[in-house]
Amino acid sequence: MLLSQIKNADGSVCVVVREGSEAYAVKDATSTYNLAMEAAEEGKSLSDVIRAHGLGDAIDLEVAYAEGRFMLPIHHEDAAHCHLTGTGLTHLGSASTRNSMHAKADTDAPVTDSMKMFQMGLENGKPGDNVVGAQPEWFYKGNGTQAVAAGAPLVSPSFAEDAGEEPEVAGIYVIASDGTPFRVGFALSNEFSDHITERGNYLWLAHSKLRPASFGPELLVGDLPADVQGMSRILRDGEVIWEKPFLSGEDNMSHTLANLEHHHFKYDIFRQPGELHVHFFGTATLSFADGISPQHGDVYEIEAPGFGLALRNPLIQKPAQAGTVTVKTL
């Protein structure tokens, strides 16, 4: 089952469910978030809640995409109560690019912290049921104001040195009134980052991640396939300038999803009732590793079987600005 949200002509939200090629509006559904919270609070599956609501008019998702009517597949009405976070060095092969970014040319140099972190995941990232495994790298991207819908632009700030895509799978979660996290599903995502800033010093990773991110356009309800095989590409003036497969799913990861979820939701701050979480699980594929420098107007495209329509976002690069941000005294 795939869920999405599109805007109606009057500006209201239409929640759309798709199984196979047929897509229909969900009756009396004001948002995906409200459906998810209904399921969490009533102890029902999301699919059962949707079936109880019933299906309405047929929806042509391709037309809605072309018309720019796609919203995020889930959102919180108060963007401050949506958290965008992620984990890195979680996929087999993901350490190679990171290590090359931070390693010194001297072959006798000590192993980088990135490689140490990756090795910890290889050794104890899949500890078994109900056992705490290795703690992954973790980062914060922002709140819901940084979440960008399919078709909308990813805006690179004026001070950015790079505007690099990261094709990933994101987990979507809501927190019930008793503080229990519930996974709503999974979505394709572009965990947009600044790899040149990160390369300058690995302690600048936190800065490099404070960028917008996109996920969707559809949300996969149910389990994540163990072997996700997708494609990431960049288009310039309608032509593909870079294209490469990417892998996800636990068969291609050094951590289990359960271990990554534990190390996020073990913090009380992330189990506040009613909040929405979008957690990016990482990747091993970057155009940056192949020397690509995205330009203003390029289009990122990420797709994978089982996740519905491709995730597309154009790049907008803000021009550099002189001066500093001035803080005023009250």
C-alpha atoms as a PDB file:
ATOM      1  CA  MET A   1       0.000   0.000   0.000  1.00  0.00           C
ATOM      2  CA  LEU A   2       1.245   3.473  -0.940  1.00  0.00           C
ATOM      3  CA  LEU A   3       0.001   6.738   0.565  1.00  0.00           C
ATOM      4  CA  SER A   4       0.408  10.269  -0.725  1.00  0.00           C
ATOM      5  CA  GLN A   5      -1.092  13.712  -0.258  1.00  0.00           C
ATOM      6  CA  ILE A   6      -2.107  16.125  -2.985  1.00  0.00           C
ATOM      7  CA  LYS A   7      -3.727  19.543  -2.916  1.00  0.00           C
ATOM      8  CA  ASN A   8      -7.318  19.901  -4.008  1.00  0.00           C
ATOM      9  CA  ALA A   9      -8.413  22.877  -6.094  1.00  0.00           C
ATOM     10  CA  ASP A  10      -9.667  24.612  -2.927  1.00  0.00           C
ATOM     11  CA  GLY A  11      -6.323  24.118  -1.161  1.00  0.00           C
ATOM     12  CA  SER A  12      -7.500  21.298   1.083  1.00  0.00           C
ATOM     13  CA  VAL A  13      -5.589  18.031   1.505  1.00  0.00           C
ATOM     14  CA  CYS A  14      -6.523  14.868  -0.364  1.00  0.00           C
ATOM     15  CA  VAL A  15      -5.024  11.671   1.070  1.00  0.00           C
ATOM     16  CA  VAL A  16      -4.524   9.116  -1.698  1.00  0.00           C
ATOM     17  CA  VAL A  17      -4.087   5.360  -1.304  1.00  0.00           C
ATOM     18  CA  ARG A  18      -2.664   3.229  -4.093  1.00  0.00           C
ATOM     19  CA  GLU A  19      -2.404  -0.512  -4.479  1.00  0.00           C
ATOM     20  CA  GLY A  20      -1.070  -1.512  -7.866  1.00  0.00           C
ATOM     21  CA  SER A  21      -1.951   0.998 -10.576  1.00  0.00           C
ATOM     22  CA  GLU A  22      -5.214   2.213  -9.046  1.00  0.00           C
ATOM     23  CA  ALA A  23      -5.244   5.268  -6.767  1.00  0.00           C
ATOM     24  CA  TYR A  24      -8.200   6.595  -4.796  1.00  0.00           C
ATOM     25  CA  ALA A  25      -8.948   9.365  -2.335  1.00  0.00           C
ATOM     26  CA  VAL A  26      -9.457   8.204   1.259  1.00  0.00           C
ATOM     27  CA  LYS A  27     -12.872   9.322   2.500  1.00  0.00           C
ATOM     28  CA  ASP A  28     -13.057  11.741   5.424  1.00  0.00           C
ATOM     29  CA  ALA A  29      -9.275  11.877   5.749  1.00  0.00           C
ATOM     30  CA  THR A  30      -7.903  15.331   6.507  1.00  0.00           C
ATOM     31  CA  SER A  31      -4.237  14.225   6.458  1.00  0.00           C
ATOM     32  CA  THR A  32      -1.974  11.180   6.533  1.00  0.00           C
ATOM     33  CA  TYR A  33      -0.784  12.310   9.960  1.00  0.00           C
ATOM     34  CA  ASN A  34      -4.315  12.217  11.363  1.00  0.00           C
ATOM     35  CA  LEU A  35      -4.885   8.736   9.930  1.00  0.00           C
ATOM     36  CA  ALA A  36      -1.636   7.546  11.495  1.00  0.00           C
ATOM     37  CA  MET A  37      -2.485   9.027  14.892  1.00  0.00           C
ATOM     38  CA  GLU A  38      -5.942   7.461  14.700  1.00  0.00           C
ATOM     39  CA  ALA A  39      -4.323   4.066  14.149  1.00  0.00           C
ATOM     40  CA  ALA A  40      -1.771   4.597  16.933  1.00  0.00           C
ATOM     41  CA  GLU A  41      -4.330   5.705  19.513  1.00  0.00           C
ATOM     42  CA  GLU A  42      -6.887   3.021  18.671  1.00  0.00           C
ATOM     43  CA  GLY A  43      -4.410   0.144  18.452  1.00  0.00           C
ATOM     44  CA  LYS A  44      -5.251  -0.584  14.825  1.00  0.00           C
ATOM     45  CA  SER A  45      -3.133  -1.014  11.731  1.00  0.00           C
ATOM     46  CA  LEU A  46      -3.002   1.931   9.364  1.00  0.00           C
ATOM     47  CA  SER A  47      -4.380  -0.214   6.550  1.00  0.00           C
ATOM     48  CA  ASP A  48      -7.387  -1.170   8.706  1.00  0.00           C
ATOM     49  CA  VAL A  49      -8.060   2.482   9.525  1.00  0.00           C
ATOM     50  CA  ILE A  50      -7.957   3.367   5.834  1.00  0.00           C
ATOM     51  CA  ARG A  51     -10.321   0.533   4.937  1.00  0.00           C
ATOM     52  CA  ALA A  52     -12.706   1.699   7.653  1.00  0.00           C
ATOM     53  CA  HIS A  53     -12.726   5.199   6.162  1.00  0.00           C
ATOM     54  CA  GLY A  54     -13.405   3.787   2.706  1.00  0.00           C
ATOM     55  CA  LEU A  55     -12.310   4.945  -0.734  1.00  0.00           C
ATOM     56  CA  GLY A  56     -13.707   7.772  -2.813  1.00  0.00           C
ATOM     57  CA  ASP A  57     -12.867   9.226  -6.222  1.00  0.00           C
ATOM     58  CA  ALA A  58     -10.165   7.794  -8.470  1.00  0.00           C
ATOM     59  CA  ILE A  59      -7.035   9.994  -8.613  1.00  0.00           C
ATOM     60  CA  ASP A  60      -4.579  10.340 -11.492  1.00  0.00           C
ATOM     61  CA  LEU A  61      -1.286  10.775  -9.636  1.00  0.00           C
ATOM     62  CA  GLU A  62       0.760  11.419 -12.780  1.00  0.00           C
ATOM     63  CA  VAL A  63      -1.477  14.385 -13.636  1.00  0.00           C
ATOM     64  CA  ALA A  64      -1.289  15.686 -10.060  1.00  0.00           C
ATOM     65  CA  TYR A  65       2.523  15.466 -10.211  1.00  0.00           C
ATOM     66  CA  ALA A  66       2.653  17.309 -13.538  1.00  0.00           C
ATOM     67  CA  GLU A  67       0.391  20.022 -12.109  1.00  0.00           C
ATOM     68  CA  GLY A  68       2.635  20.492  -9.073  1.00  0.00           C
ATOM     69  CA  ARG A  69      -0.046  19.417  -6.609  1.00  0.00           C
ATOM     70  CA  PHE A  70       1.962  16.864  -4.636  1.00  0.00           C
ATOM     71  CA  MET A  71       2.489  17.627  -0.980  1.00  0.00           C
ATOM     72  CA  LEU A  72       4.741  15.747   1.404  1.00  0.00           C
ATOM     73  CA  PRO A  73       3.245  12.262   1.917  1.00  0.00           C
ATOM     74  CA  ILE A  74       2.870  13.174   5.605  1.00  0.00           C
ATOM     75  CA  HIS A  75       3.234  16.456   7.482  1.00  0.00           C
ATOM     76  CA  HIS A  76       2.546  18.015  10.874  1.00  0.00           C
ATOM     77  CA  GLU A  77       0.359  21.110  10.922  1.00  0.00           C
ATOM     78  CA  ASP A  78       2.916  22.718  13.250  1.00  0.00           C
ATOM     79  CA  ALA A  79       6.269  22.305  11.496  1.00  0.00           C
ATOM     80  CA  ALA A  80       8.122  22.751  14.797  1.00  0.00           C
ATOM     81  CA  HIS A  81       6.766  19.363  15.881  1.00  0.00           C
ATOM     82  CA  CYS A  82       8.319  17.493  12.947  1.00  0.00           C
ATOM     83  CA  HIS A  83      11.957  16.389  13.289  1.00  0.00           C
ATOM     84  CA  LEU A  84      14.297  15.569  10.403  1.00  0.00           C
ATOM     85  CA  THR A  85      17.195  13.405  11.598  1.00  0.00           C
ATOM     86  CA  GLY A  86      19.409  10.682  10.219  1.00  0.00           C
ATOM     87  CA  THR A  87      22.182   8.156  10.617  1.00  0.00           C
ATOM     88  CA  GLY A  88      25.291   7.752   8.489  1.00  0.00           C
ATOM     89  CA  LEU A  89      27.886   5.054   7.797  1.00  0.00           C
ATOM     90  CA  THR A  90      25.084   2.486   7.917  1.00  0.00           C
ATOM     91  CA  HIS A  91      25.349   0.909   4.462  1.00  0.00           C
ATOM     92  CA  LEU A  92      27.922  -1.550   3.172  1.00  0.00           C
ATOM     93  CA  GLY A  93      30.413   0.526   1.226  1.00  0.00           C
ATOM     94  CA  SER A  94      29.318   3.800   2.793  1.00  0.00           C
ATOM     95  CA  ALA A  95      32.636   4.253   4.591  1.00  0.00           C
ATOM     96  CA  SER A  96      34.753   4.344   1.434  1.00  0.00           C
ATOM     97  CA  THR A  97      33.652   7.793   0.243  1.00  0.00           C
ATOM     98  CA  ARG A  98      33.609   9.243   3.742  1.00  0.00           C
ATOM     99  CA  ASN A  99      37.020   7.824   4.545  1.00  0.00           C
ATOM    100  CA  SER A 100      38.534   9.220   1.359  1.00  0.00           C
ATOM    101  CA  MET A 101      37.122  12.645   2.251  1.00  0.00           C
ATOM    102  CA  HIS A 102      38.862  12.720   5.622  1.00  0.00           C
ATOM    103  CA  ALA A 103      41.923  10.483   5.252  1.00  0.00           C
ATOM    104  CA  LYS A 104      45.393  11.970   4.844  1.00  0.00           C
ATOM    105  CA  ALA A 105      47.551  11.108   1.864  1.00  0.00           C
ATOM    106  CA  ASP A 106      50.105   9.468   4.194  1.00  0.00           C
ATOM    107  CA  THR A 107      49.503   5.720   4.007  1.00  0.00           C
ATOM    108  CA  ASP A 108      50.812   5.385   7.563  1.00  0.00           C
ATOM    109  CA  ALA A 109      48.141   7.741   8.902  1.00  0.00           C
ATOM    110  CA  PRO A 110      45.883   6.297  11.609  1.00  0.00           C
ATOM    111  CA  VAL A 111      42.481   4.908  10.717  1.00  0.00           C
ATOM    112  CA  THR A 112      39.934   7.720  10.473  1.00  0.00           C
ATOM    113  CA  ASP A 113      37.102   8.108  12.954  1.00  0.00           C
ATOM    114  CA  SER A 114      34.701   7.480  10.070  1.00  0.00           C
ATOM    115  CA  MET A 115      36.224   4.084   9.385  1.00  0.00           C
ATOM    116  CA  LYS A 116      36.218   3.254  13.096  1.00  0.00           C
ATOM    117  CA  MET A 117      32.519   4.098  13.281  1.00  0.00           C
ATOM    118  CA  PHE A 118      31.762   2.000  10.215  1.00  0.00           C
ATOM    119  CA  GLN A 119      33.696  -0.946  11.647  1.00  0.00           C
ATOM    120  CA  MET A 120      31.661  -0.745  14.860  1.00  0.00           C
ATOM    121  CA  GLY A 121      28.529  -1.168  12.799  1.00  0.00           C
ATOM    122  CA  LEU A 122      29.956  -4.136  10.913  1.00  0.00           C
ATOM    123  CA  GLU A 123      30.866  -5.831  14.176  1.00  0.00           C
ATOM    124  CA  ASN A 124      27.766  -5.077  16.238  1.00  0.00           C
ATOM    125  CA  GLY A 125      25.157  -3.257  14.160  1.00  0.00           C
ATOM    126  CA  LYS A 126      22.958  -6.345  13.867  1.00  0.00           C
ATOM    127  CA  PRO A 127      22.915  -7.685  17.422  1.00  0.00           C
ATOM    128  CA  GLY A 128      19.710  -9.721  17.299  1.00  0.00           C
ATOM    129  CA  ASP A 129      16.226  -9.205  18.716  1.00  0.00           C
ATOM    130  CA  ASN A 130      15.858  -6.994  21.779  1.00  0.00           C
ATOM    131  CA  VAL A 131      19.628  -6.535  22.124  1.00  0.00           C
ATOM    132  CA  VAL A 132      21.278  -3.114  21.969  1.00  0.00           C
ATOM    133  CA  GLY A 133      23.884  -2.934  19.218  1.00  0.00           C
ATOM    134  CA  ALA A 134      26.532  -0.436  18.219  1.00  0.00           C
ATOM    135  CA  GLN A 135      25.555   3.220  18.351  1.00  0.00           C
ATOM    136  CA  PRO A 136      25.561   4.745  14.843  1.00  0.00           C
ATOM    137  CA  GLU A 137      26.549   8.195  13.710  1.00  0.00           C
ATOM    138  CA  TRP A 138      23.536  10.492  14.218  1.00  0.00           C
ATOM    139  CA  PHE A 139      22.736  13.942  12.860  1.00  0.00           C
ATOM    140  CA  TYR A 140      20.013  16.592  12.908  1.00  0.00           C
ATOM    141  CA  LYS A 141      18.741  18.277   9.739  1.00  0.00           C
ATOM    142  CA  GLY A 142      16.050  20.551  11.078  1.00  0.00           C
ATOM    143  CA  ASN A 143      12.319  20.671  11.710  1.00  0.00           C
ATOM    144  CA  GLY A 144       9.401  20.436   9.321  1.00  0.00           C
ATOM    145  CA  THR A 145      10.227  23.810   7.753  1.00  0.00           C
ATOM    146  CA  GLN A 146      13.118  22.004   6.028  1.00  0.00           C
ATOM    147  CA  ALA A 147      10.924  19.272   4.486  1.00  0.00           C
ATOM    148  CA  VAL A 148      10.377  19.714   0.741  1.00  0.00           C
ATOM    149  CA  ALA A 149       7.653  18.000  -1.289  1.00  0.00           C
ATOM    150  CA  ALA A 150       8.255  16.128  -4.534  1.00  0.00           C
ATOM    151  CA  GLY A 151       8.489  18.562  -7.432  1.00  0.00           C
ATOM    152  CA  ALA A 152       9.388  21.520  -5.218  1.00  0.00           C
ATOM    153  CA  PRO A 153      12.910  22.991  -5.296  1.00  0.00           C
ATOM    154  CA  LEU A 154      15.732  22.132  -2.929  1.00  0.00           C
ATOM    155  CA  VAL A 155      17.269  25.478  -2.049  1.00  0.00           C
ATOM    156  CA  SER A 156      20.987  25.609  -1.312  1.00  0.00           C
ATOM    157  CA  PRO A 157      21.850  28.536   0.989  1.00  0.00           C
ATOM    158  CA  SER A 158      24.127  31.377  -0.075  1.00  0.00           C
ATOM    159  CA  PHE A 159      26.995  30.181   2.130  1.00  0.00           C
ATOM    160  CA  ALA A 160      26.896  26.556   0.873  1.00  0.00           C
ATOM    161  CA  GLU A 161      29.928  25.110  -0.881  1.00  0.00           C
ATOM    162  CA  ASP A 162      28.153  22.077  -2.349  1.00  0.00           C
ATOM    163  CA  ALA A 163      24.593  21.040  -3.173  1.00  0.00           C
ATOM    164  CA  GLY A 164      24.862  17.268  -3.147  1.00  0.00           C
ATOM    165  CA  GLU A 165      22.092  14.704  -3.302  1.00  0.00           C
ATOM    166  CA  GLU A 166      21.934  11.644  -1.048  1.00  0.00           C
ATOM    167  CA  PRO A 167      19.503   8.950  -2.270  1.00  0.00           C
ATOM    168  CA  GLU A 168      18.120   7.204   0.795  1.00  0.00           C
ATOM    169  CA  VAL A 169      15.172   5.485   2.391  1.00  0.00           C
ATOM    170  CA  ALA A 170      13.568   7.430   5.239  1.00  0.00           C
ATOM    171  CA  GLY A 171      11.490   5.974   8.044  1.00  0.00           C
ATOM    172  CA  ILE A 172       8.367   7.921   9.046  1.00  0.00           C
ATOM    173  CA  TYR A 173       7.130   7.817  12.661  1.00  0.00           C
ATOM    174  CA  VAL A 174       4.460   9.301  14.915  1.00  0.00           C
ATOM    175  CA  ILE A 175       4.447   9.322  18.709  1.00  0.00           C
ATOM    176  CA  ALA A 176       1.286   8.165  20.483  1.00  0.00           C
ATOM    177  CA  SER A 177      -0.124   9.920  23.546  1.00  0.00           C
ATOM    178  CA  ASP A 178       1.659   7.459  25.854  1.00  0.00           C
ATOM    179  CA  GLY A 179       5.046   8.171  24.239  1.00  0.00           C
ATOM    180  CA  THR A 180       5.185   5.012  22.115  1.00  0.00           C
ATOM    181  CA  PRO A 181       6.818   5.471  18.682  1.00  0.00           C
ATOM    182  CA  PHE A 182       4.859   3.988  15.765  1.00  0.00           C
ATOM    183  CA  ARG A 183       6.367   3.526  12.331  1.00  0.00           C
ATOM    184  CA  VAL A 184       3.995   4.791   9.633  1.00  0.00           C
ATOM    185  CA  GLY A 185       6.092   3.542   6.713  1.00  0.00           C
ATOM    186  CA  PHE A 186       9.014   4.346   4.445  1.00  0.00           C
ATOM    187  CA  ALA A 187       9.673   6.813   1.645  1.00  0.00           C
ATOM    188  CA  LEU A 188      12.354   7.548  -0.896  1.00  0.00           C
ATOM    189  CA  SER A 189      14.305  10.608   0.134  1.00  0.00           C
ATOM    190  CA  ASN A 190      16.974  13.070  -0.935  1.00  0.00           C
ATOM    191  CA  GLU A 191      18.991  13.829   2.190  1.00  0.00           C
ATOM    192  CA  PHE A 192      20.481  16.960   0.607  1.00  0.00           C
ATOM    193  CA  SER A 193      23.925  17.832   2.073  1.00  0.00           C
ATOM    194  CA  ASP A 194      27.062  19.947   1.664  1.00  0.00           C
ATOM    195  CA  HIS A 195      29.918  17.495   1.134  1.00  0.00           C
ATOM    196  CA  ILE A 196      32.624  20.106   0.556  1.00  0.00           C
ATOM    197  CA  THR A 197      31.938  21.639   3.962  1.00  0.00           C
ATOM    198  CA  GLU A 198      32.029  18.180   5.521  1.00  0.00           C
ATOM    199  CA  ARG A 199      35.265  17.332   3.746  1.00  0.00           C
ATOM    200  CA  GLY A 200      36.932  20.429   5.200  1.00  0.00           C
ATOM    201  CA  ASN A 201      36.708  18.925   8.680  1.00  0.00           C
ATOM    202  CA  TYR A 202      34.610  15.992   9.814  1.00  0.00           C
ATOM    203  CA  LEU A 203      33.548  18.050  12.843  1.00  0.00           C
ATOM    204  CA  TRP A 204      31.673  20.232  10.337  1.00  0.00           C
ATOM    205  CA  LEU A 205      29.355  17.329   9.540  1.00  0.00           C
ATOM    206  CA  ALA A 206      26.687  18.965  11.718  1.00  0.00           C
ATOM    207  CA  HIS A 207      26.896  22.148   9.621  1.00  0.00           C
ATOM    208  CA  SER A 208      26.811  20.207   6.345  1.00  0.00           C
ATOM    209  CA  LYS A 209      23.537  18.501   7.281  1.00  0.00           C
ATOM    210  CA  LEU A 210      21.582  21.667   8.123  1.00  0.00           C
ATOM    211  CA  ARG A 211      19.954  21.773   4.709  1.00  0.00           C
ATOM    212  CA  PRO A 212      16.473  21.063   3.323  1.00  0.00           C
ATOM    213  CA  ALA A 213      15.531  17.506   2.411  1.00  0.00           C
ATOM    214  CA  SER A 214      12.825  15.923   0.302  1.00  0.00           C
ATOM    215  CA  PHE A 215      10.920  12.677   0.737  1.00  0.00           C
ATOM    216  CA  GLY A 216       8.094  10.987  -1.114  1.00  0.00           C
ATOM    217  CA  PRO A 217       6.153  11.479  -3.276  1.00  0.00           C
ATOM    218  CA  GLU A 218       4.548   8.286  -1.946  1.00  0.00           C
ATOM    219  CA  LEU A 219       4.892   6.519   1.380  1.00  0.00           C
ATOM    220  CA  LEU A 220       5.216   2.725   1.532  1.00  0.00           C
ATOM    221  CA  VAL A 221       3.055   1.271   4.312  1.00  0.00           C
ATOM    222  CA  GLY A 222       4.353  -2.031   5.682  1.00  0.00           C
ATOM    223  CA  ASP A 223       7.772  -3.623   5.950  1.00  0.00           C
ATOM    224  CA  LEU A 224      10.835  -2.327   4.138  1.00  0.00           C
ATOM    225  CA  PRO A 225      12.102  -4.843   1.542  1.00  0.00           C
ATOM    226  CA  ALA A 226      15.378  -6.415   2.645  1.00  0.00           C
ATOM    227  CA  ASP A 227      16.959  -5.550  -0.703  1.00  0.00           C
ATOM    228  CA  VAL A 228      16.077  -2.130  -2.137  1.00  0.00           C
ATOM    229  CA  GLN A 229      17.671  -1.455  -5.519  1.00  0.00           C
ATOM    230  CA  GLY A 230      17.087   2.007  -6.880  1.00  0.00           C
ATOM    231  CA  MET A 231      18.540   4.571  -9.253  1.00  0.00           C
ATOM    232  CA  SER A 232      19.777   8.093  -8.581  1.00  0.00           C
ATOM    233  CA  ARG A 233      20.394  10.587 -11.380  1.00  0.00           C
ATOM    234  CA  ILE A 234      20.963  14.261 -12.096  1.00  0.00           C
ATOM    235  CA  LEU A 235      19.470  15.968 -15.146  1.00  0.00           C
ATOM    236  CA  ARG A 236      20.734  19.202 -16.690  1.00  0.00           C
ATOM    237  CA  ASP A 237      18.666  20.884 -19.395  1.00  0.00           C
ATOM    238  CA  GLY A 238      16.670  17.660 -19.673  1.00  0.00           C
ATOM    239  CA  GLU A 239      19.729  15.451 -20.225  1.00  0.00           C
ATOM    240  CA  VAL A 240      21.136  12.940 -17.730  1.00  0.00           C
ATOM    241  CA  ILE A 241      24.630  14.071 -16.681  1.00  0.00           C
ATOM    242  CA  TRP A 242      25.096  11.450 -13.940  1.00  0.00           C
ATOM    243  CA  GLU A 243      23.327   8.221 -13.050  1.00  0.00           C
ATOM    244  CA  LYS A 244      24.144   5.449 -10.615  1.00  0.00           C
ATOM    245  CA  PRO A 245      22.341   2.611  -8.798  1.00  0.00           C
ATOM    246  CA  PHE A 246      21.913   2.804  -5.038  1.00  0.00           C
ATOM    247  CA  LEU A 247      21.134   0.067  -2.539  1.00  0.00           C
ATOM    248  CA  SER A 248      19.265   0.045   0.743  1.00  0.00           C
ATOM    249  CA  GLY A 249      17.385  -2.403   2.935  1.00  0.00           C
ATOM    250  CA  GLU A 250      18.936  -4.531   5.652  1.00  0.00           C
ATOM    251  CA  ASP A 251      20.641  -6.912   3.208  1.00  0.00           C
ATOM    252  CA  ASN A 252      22.780  -3.943   2.154  1.00  0.00           C
ATOM    253  CA  MET A 253      23.245  -2.364   5.581  1.00  0.00           C
ATOM    254  CA  SER A 254      25.630  -2.803   8.484  1.00  0.00           C
ATOM    255  CA  HIS A 255      22.848  -2.052  10.990  1.00  0.00           C
ATOM    256  CA  THR A 256      19.340  -3.376  11.458  1.00  0.00           C
ATOM    257  CA  LEU A 257      16.503  -0.876  11.303  1.00  0.00           C
ATOM    258  CA  ALA A 258      15.587  -1.879  14.856  1.00  0.00           C
ATOM    259  CA  ASN A 259      19.043  -0.908  16.088  1.00  0.00           C
ATOM    260  CA  LEU A 260      18.945   2.460  14.324  1.00  0.00           C
ATOM    261  CA  GLU A 261      15.429   3.117  15.625  1.00  0.00           C
ATOM    262  CA  HIS A 262      16.450   2.236  19.187  1.00  0.00           C
ATOM    263  CA  HIS A 263      19.359   4.662  19.174  1.00  0.00           C
ATOM    264  CA  HIS A 264      17.088   7.465  17.994  1.00  0.00           C
ATOM    265  CA  PHE A 265      14.050   6.858  20.166  1.00  0.00           C
ATOM    266  CA  LYS A 266      15.998   5.966  23.311  1.00  0.00           C
ATOM    267  CA  TYR A 267      16.051   9.723  23.957  1.00  0.00           C
ATOM    268  CA  ASP A 268      12.982  10.996  25.815  1.00  0.00           C
ATOM    269  CA  ILE A 269      13.051  14.175  23.745  1.00  0.00           C
ATOM    270  CA  PHE A 270      12.140  12.122  20.669  1.00  0.00           C
ATOM    271  CA  ARG A 271       9.187  10.391  22.325  1.00  0.00           C
ATOM    272  CA  GLN A 272       7.031  13.445  22.909  1.00  0.00           C
ATOM    273  CA  PRO A 273       3.326  12.710  22.233  1.00  0.00           C
ATOM    274  CA  GLY A 274       1.962  13.832  18.885  1.00  0.00           C
ATOM    275  CA  GLU A 275       5.267  14.560  17.206  1.00  0.00           C
ATOM    276  CA  LEU A 276       6.294  13.426  13.721  1.00  0.00           C
ATOM    277  CA  HIS A 277       9.743  12.065  12.847  1.00  0.00           C
ATOM    278  CA  VAL A 278      11.420  11.600   9.486  1.00  0.00           C
ATOM    279  CA  HIS A 279      14.625   9.605   9.927  1.00  0.00           C
ATOM    280  CA  PHE A 280      17.056   9.131   7.033  1.00  0.00           C
ATOM    281  CA  PHE A 281      18.837   5.777   7.111  1.00  0.00           C
ATOM    282  CA  GLY A 282      21.896   6.597   5.011  1.00  0.00           C
ATOM    283  CA  THR A 283      23.409   5.730   1.630  1.00  0.00           C
ATOM    284  CA  ALA A 284      26.593   4.558  -0.056  1.00  0.00           C
ATOM    285  CA  THR A 285      26.006   6.420  -3.358  1.00  0.00           C
ATOM    286  CA  LEU A 286      26.895  10.064  -4.002  1.00  0.00           C
ATOM    287  CA  SER A 287      27.504  11.969  -7.225  1.00  0.00           C
ATOM    288  CA  PHE A 288      30.043  13.986  -5.228  1.00  0.00           C
ATOM    289  CA  ALA A 289      32.251  10.887  -5.061  1.00  0.00           C
ATOM    290  CA  ASP A 290      32.366  10.941  -8.874  1.00  0.00           C
ATOM    291  CA  GLY A 291      33.394  14.586  -9.057  1.00  0.00           C
ATOM    292  CA  ILE A 292      29.962  15.972  -9.976  1.00  0.00           C
ATOM    293  CA  SER A 293      29.126  19.560  -9.000  1.00  0.00           C
ATOM    294  CA  PRO A 294      25.372  20.182  -9.306  1.00  0.00           C
ATOM    295  CA  GLN A 295      24.373  23.538 -10.758  1.00  0.00           C
ATOM    296  CA  HIS A 296      21.413  25.863 -10.391  1.00  0.00           C
ATOM    297  CA  GLY A 297      18.504  24.414 -12.364  1.00  0.00           C
ATOM    298  CA  ASP A 298      19.666  20.784 -12.272  1.00  0.00           C
ATOM    299  CA  VAL A 299      17.023  18.215 -11.351  1.00  0.00           C
ATOM    300  CA  TYR A 300      17.613  15.364  -8.921  1.00  0.00           C
ATOM    301  CA  GLU A 301      15.663  12.168  -9.581  1.00  0.00           C
ATOM    302  CA  ILE A 302      15.515   9.153  -7.260  1.00  0.00           C
ATOM    303  CA  GLU A 303      13.425   6.041  -7.881  1.00  0.00           C
ATOM    304  CA  ALA A 304      13.133   2.435  -6.716  1.00  0.00           C
ATOM    305  CA  PRO A 305      10.651  -0.362  -7.439  1.00  0.00           C
ATOM    306  CA  GLY A 306       7.902  -0.619  -4.862  1.00  0.00           C
ATOM    307  CA  PHE A 307       8.023   3.028  -3.801  1.00  0.00           C
ATOM    308  CA  GLY A 308       5.750   4.452  -6.466  1.00  0.00           C
ATOM    309  CA  LEU A 309       6.542   7.576  -8.445  1.00  0.00           C
ATOM    310  CA  ALA A 310      10.085   8.908  -8.670  1.00  0.00           C
ATOM    311  CA  LEU A 311      11.185  11.684  -6.325  1.00  0.00           C
ATOM    312  CA  ARG A 312      12.170  14.742  -8.388  1.00  0.00           C
ATOM    313  CA  ASN A 313      13.399  18.118  -7.162  1.00  0.00           C
ATOM    314  CA  PRO A 314      15.073  20.987  -9.028  1.00  0.00           C
ATOM    315  CA  LEU A 315      18.043  22.756  -7.439  1.00  0.00           C
ATOM    316  CA  ILE A 316      17.993  26.435  -6.608  1.00  0.00           C
ATOM    317  CA  GLN A 317      21.306  27.948  -5.525  1.00  0.00           C
ATOM    318  CA  LYS A 318      21.067  31.249  -3.695  1.00  0.00           C
ATOM    319  CA  PRO A 319      23.759  33.734  -4.751  1.00  0.00           C
ATOM    320  CA  ALA A 320      26.565  34.429  -2.306  1.00  0.00           C
ATOM    321  CA  GLN A 321      25.960  37.313   0.063  1.00  0.00           C
ATOM    322  CA  ALA A 322      28.500  39.535   1.802  1.00  0.00           C
ATOM    323  CA  GLY A 323      28.424  40.372   5.473  1.00  0.00           C
ATOM    324  CA  THR A 324      27.238  38.553   8.557  1.00  0.00           C
ATOM    325  CA  VAL A 325      23.984  37.955  10.372  1.00  0.00           C
ATOM    326  CA  THR A 326      23.621  40.694  12.981  1.00  0.00           C
ATOM    327  CA  VAL A 327      22.057  39.968  16.347  1.00  0.00           C
ATOM    328  CA  LYS A 328      20.336  42.917  18.011  1.00  0.00           C
ATOM    329  CA  THR A 329      20.122  43.576  21.714  1.00  0.00           C
ATOM    330  CA  LEU A 330      16.726  43.926  23.349  1.00  0.00           C
END
